[in-house]
Every structure is written in C-alpha cells, then in structure tokens.
Amino acid sequence: VQLVESGGGLVQPGGSLRLSCVASGFTFSVYAMSWYRQAPGKERELVATISSGGRSTNYADSVKGRFTISRDNAKKTVTLQMNSLKPEDTAVYYCYTRRQSVDNWGQGTQVTVSS
C-alpha cells in the first residue's frame, strides 16, 4: 500500500489549497479514505472521511463548510479542497486508509497559513 500526498504549501489567511493523495497497491475503490492533520505540539486529528463510493462524507466541526473531500476511483485519487483557510489550519496533512485491520498513512504534506 502506498499513499502519496501533494499540494501543500504556504497560503495567506482566506486563501485556498487543494491537496491530492494518489493511492496504489490495493483496491482503492472498496475502502473509505480520510484526511488527518497534525499541528506542532498537538495530536493528530481527523479532518474528513469519504466512503468507498464517494456518496457519504464526514467532516470535523472545525472545517465544515470550508473543506470538501472527494475521490476519483478511476484515478485512485482522493482530494481535499480547502477554502477560507485560517492560521489554525496550519499542520501536516496526511492521507489515511484502514485496510485489513492495518492503518496506512501517507508521508504527509505541510500546509502553512500565514500572512
């Protein structure tokens, strides 16, 4: 299993970023996918989850209405569109899936929101 994130960077408050995660090594279309984030000195937290077929999504209260998770099963990609970014969104963002009782994480991509 391999999960490779991209799209992080430095953005001003109020700006937008689009994170992508490309999966390989497993049958992507049958597993739910999630994005987590970890800020310095804080625990890793769940940001958003999307069901295997993409019909169901869930978000942390802190990002509802600003972030959108989506997936393309043909391209084995899950995306996190982040709008109206705030300084408190600064963190390393990780792609995640649980497959056969095993947690699988990407390497993470840094998102920094600062003026």
C-alpha atoms as a PDB file:
ATOM      1  CA  VAL A   1       0.000   0.000   0.000  1.00  0.00           C
ATOM      2  CA  GLN A   2       1.292   3.419  -0.920  1.00  0.00           C
ATOM      3  CA  LEU A   3      -0.340   6.787  -0.350  1.00  0.00           C
ATOM      4  CA  VAL A   4       1.370   9.858  -1.798  1.00  0.00           C
ATOM      5  CA  GLU A   5       0.135  13.344  -0.908  1.00  0.00           C
ATOM      6  CA  SER A   6       0.807  16.568  -2.745  1.00  0.00           C
ATOM      7  CA  GLY A   7      -0.468  20.115  -2.932  1.00  0.00           C
ATOM      8  CA  GLY A   8       0.619  21.614   0.357  1.00  0.00           C
ATOM      9  CA  GLY A   9       2.317  24.968   0.663  1.00  0.00           C
ATOM     10  CA  LEU A  10       2.193  28.455   2.109  1.00  0.00           C
ATOM     11  CA  VAL A  11      -1.030  30.419   1.732  1.00  0.00           C
ATOM     12  CA  GLN A  12      -2.405  33.622   3.199  1.00  0.00           C
ATOM     13  CA  PRO A  13      -5.425  33.579   5.526  1.00  0.00           C
ATOM     14  CA  GLY A  14      -8.596  33.380   3.477  1.00  0.00           C
ATOM     15  CA  GLY A  15      -6.836  31.581   0.669  1.00  0.00           C
ATOM     16  CA  SER A  16      -7.332  28.119  -0.801  1.00  0.00           C
ATOM     17  CA  LEU A  17      -5.317  24.967  -1.359  1.00  0.00           C
ATOM     18  CA  ARG A  18      -6.120  21.643  -2.957  1.00  0.00           C
ATOM     19  CA  LEU A  19      -4.475  18.526  -1.569  1.00  0.00           C
ATOM     20  CA  SER A  20      -4.310  15.289  -3.510  1.00  0.00           C
ATOM     21  CA  CYS A  21      -3.491  11.732  -2.481  1.00  0.00           C
ATOM     22  CA  VAL A  22      -2.684   9.083  -5.064  1.00  0.00           C
ATOM     23  CA  ALA A  23      -3.090   5.507  -3.896  1.00  0.00           C
ATOM     24  CA  SER A  24      -1.520   2.312  -5.153  1.00  0.00           C
ATOM     25  CA  GLY A  25      -1.039  -1.276  -4.082  1.00  0.00           C
ATOM     26  CA  PHE A  26      -4.626  -2.047  -3.120  1.00  0.00           C
ATOM     27  CA  THR A  27      -8.175  -1.988  -4.461  1.00  0.00           C
ATOM     28  CA  PHE A  28      -8.803   1.693  -3.866  1.00  0.00           C
ATOM     29  CA  SER A  29     -12.499   1.666  -4.743  1.00  0.00           C
ATOM     30  CA  VAL A  30     -13.584  -0.571  -1.860  1.00  0.00           C
ATOM     31  CA  TYR A  31     -12.071   1.407   1.012  1.00  0.00           C
ATOM     32  CA  ALA A  32     -13.085   4.580   2.777  1.00  0.00           C
ATOM     33  CA  MET A  33     -10.417   7.269   2.717  1.00  0.00           C
ATOM     34  CA  SER A  34      -9.631  10.018   5.171  1.00  0.00           C
ATOM     35  CA  TRP A  35      -7.530  13.095   5.680  1.00  0.00           C
ATOM     36  CA  TYR A  36      -5.928  13.760   9.049  1.00  0.00           C
ATOM     37  CA  ARG A  37      -3.776  16.633  10.207  1.00  0.00           C
ATOM     38  CA  GLN A  38      -1.252  17.233  12.949  1.00  0.00           C
ATOM     39  CA  ALA A  39      -0.209  20.650  14.147  1.00  0.00           C
ATOM     40  CA  PRO A  40       3.020  21.197  16.125  1.00  0.00           C
ATOM     41  CA  GLY A  41       2.612  20.038  19.704  1.00  0.00           C
ATOM     42  CA  LYS A  42      -0.862  18.635  19.075  1.00  0.00           C
ATOM     43  CA  GLU A  43      -2.319  15.195  18.487  1.00  0.00           C
ATOM     44  CA  ARG A  44      -3.214  14.035  15.019  1.00  0.00           C
ATOM     45  CA  GLU A  45      -6.881  14.760  14.304  1.00  0.00           C
ATOM     46  CA  LEU A  46      -9.400  13.527  11.766  1.00  0.00           C
ATOM     47  CA  VAL A  47     -10.330  16.193   9.218  1.00  0.00           C
ATOM     48  CA  ALA A  48     -12.611  14.430   6.751  1.00  0.00           C
ATOM     49  CA  THR A  49     -13.693  10.971   5.592  1.00  0.00           C
ATOM     50  CA  ILE A  50     -15.284   9.770   2.373  1.00  0.00           C
ATOM     51  CA  SER A  51     -16.953   6.411   1.811  1.00  0.00           C
ATOM     52  CA  SER A  52     -15.700   3.922  -0.745  1.00  0.00           C
ATOM     53  CA  GLY A  53     -18.230   5.008  -3.357  1.00  0.00           C
ATOM     54  CA  GLY A  54     -17.962   8.673  -2.506  1.00  0.00           C
ATOM     55  CA  ARG A  55     -21.609   9.119  -1.537  1.00  0.00           C
ATOM     56  CA  SER A  56     -21.011   9.737   2.153  1.00  0.00           C
ATOM     57  CA  THR A  57     -18.695  12.291   3.720  1.00  0.00           C
ATOM     58  CA  ASN A  58     -17.981  13.476   7.245  1.00  0.00           C
ATOM     59  CA  TYR A  59     -16.048  16.478   8.491  1.00  0.00           C
ATOM     60  CA  ALA A  60     -14.579  17.787  11.690  1.00  0.00           C
ATOM     61  CA  ASP A  61     -16.637  20.654  13.041  1.00  0.00           C
ATOM     62  CA  SER A  62     -13.665  22.965  12.654  1.00  0.00           C
ATOM     63  CA  VAL A  63     -13.614  22.560   8.856  1.00  0.00           C
ATOM     64  CA  LYS A  64     -17.303  22.117   7.982  1.00  0.00           C
ATOM     65  CA  GLY A  65     -18.375  24.496   5.246  1.00  0.00           C
ATOM     66  CA  ARG A  66     -14.771  25.275   4.280  1.00  0.00           C
ATOM     67  CA  PHE A  67     -13.243  21.929   3.265  1.00  0.00           C
ATOM     68  CA  THR A  68     -14.542  19.401   0.746  1.00  0.00           C
ATOM     69  CA  ILE A  69     -13.329  15.830   0.367  1.00  0.00           C
ATOM     70  CA  SER A  70     -13.846  13.978  -2.911  1.00  0.00           C
ATOM     71  CA  ARG A  71     -12.484  10.958  -4.725  1.00  0.00           C
ATOM     72  CA  ASP A  72     -11.971   9.600  -8.218  1.00  0.00           C
ATOM     73  CA  ASN A  73     -11.905   5.820  -8.066  1.00  0.00           C
ATOM     74  CA  ALA A  74     -10.786   5.519 -11.667  1.00  0.00           C
ATOM     75  CA  LYS A  75      -7.705   7.612 -10.898  1.00  0.00           C
ATOM     76  CA  LYS A  76      -7.260   6.174  -7.392  1.00  0.00           C
ATOM     77  CA  THR A  77      -7.144   9.686  -6.010  1.00  0.00           C
ATOM     78  CA  VAL A  78      -8.692  11.411  -3.009  1.00  0.00           C
ATOM     79  CA  THR A  79      -8.725  15.201  -2.843  1.00  0.00           C
ATOM     80  CA  LEU A  80      -9.198  17.758  -0.101  1.00  0.00           C
ATOM     81  CA  GLN A  81     -10.288  21.191  -1.298  1.00  0.00           C
ATOM     82  CA  MET A  82      -9.578  23.724   1.432  1.00  0.00           C
ATOM     83  CA  ASN A  83     -11.116  27.183   1.242  1.00  0.00           C
ATOM     84  CA  SER A  84     -11.197  30.148   3.617  1.00  0.00           C
ATOM     85  CA  LEU A  85      -8.053  28.892   5.276  1.00  0.00           C
ATOM     86  CA  LYS A  86      -7.194  30.074   8.758  1.00  0.00           C
ATOM     87  CA  PRO A  87      -3.875  30.165  10.630  1.00  0.00           C
ATOM     88  CA  GLU A  88      -5.184  27.369  12.848  1.00  0.00           C
ATOM     89  CA  ASP A  89      -5.376  25.118   9.786  1.00  0.00           C
ATOM     90  CA  THR A  90      -1.578  25.073   9.732  1.00  0.00           C
ATOM     91  CA  ALA A  91      -0.480  21.451  10.054  1.00  0.00           C
ATOM     92  CA  VAL A  92       0.939  18.461   8.262  1.00  0.00           C
ATOM     93  CA  TYR A  93      -1.910  16.791   6.394  1.00  0.00           C
ATOM     94  CA  TYR A  94      -1.965  13.017   5.980  1.00  0.00           C
ATOM     95  CA  CYS A  95      -3.905  10.697   3.721  1.00  0.00           C
ATOM     96  CA  TYR A  96      -5.169   7.581   5.508  1.00  0.00           C
ATOM     97  CA  THR A  97      -6.990   4.323   4.966  1.00  0.00           C
ATOM     98  CA  ARG A  98      -7.553   1.267   7.114  1.00  0.00           C
ATOM     99  CA  ARG A  99      -7.220  -1.953   5.178  1.00  0.00           C
ATOM    100  CA  GLN A 100      -7.460  -5.424   6.668  1.00  0.00           C
ATOM    101  CA  SER A 101      -7.059  -4.052  10.189  1.00  0.00           C
ATOM    102  CA  VAL A 102      -3.891  -2.209   9.212  1.00  0.00           C
ATOM    103  CA  ASP A 103      -3.533   1.566   9.335  1.00  0.00           C
ATOM    104  CA  ASN A 104      -1.943   3.040   6.228  1.00  0.00           C
ATOM    105  CA  TRP A 105      -0.589   6.597   6.141  1.00  0.00           C
ATOM    106  CA  GLY A 106       0.985   8.789   3.548  1.00  0.00           C
ATOM    107  CA  GLN A 107       4.156  10.747   4.236  1.00  0.00           C
ATOM    108  CA  GLY A 108       2.243  13.982   4.798  1.00  0.00           C
ATOM    109  CA  THR A 109       2.212  17.383   3.162  1.00  0.00           C
ATOM    110  CA  GLN A 110       2.794  20.651   5.011  1.00  0.00           C
ATOM    111  CA  VAL A 111       0.131  23.352   4.925  1.00  0.00           C
ATOM    112  CA  THR A 112       1.056  26.725   6.371  1.00  0.00           C
ATOM    113  CA  VAL A 113      -1.471  29.541   6.619  1.00  0.00           C
ATOM    114  CA  SER A 114       0.230  32.814   7.397  1.00  0.00           C
ATOM    115  CA  SER A 115       0.400  36.393   6.255  1.00  0.00           C
END
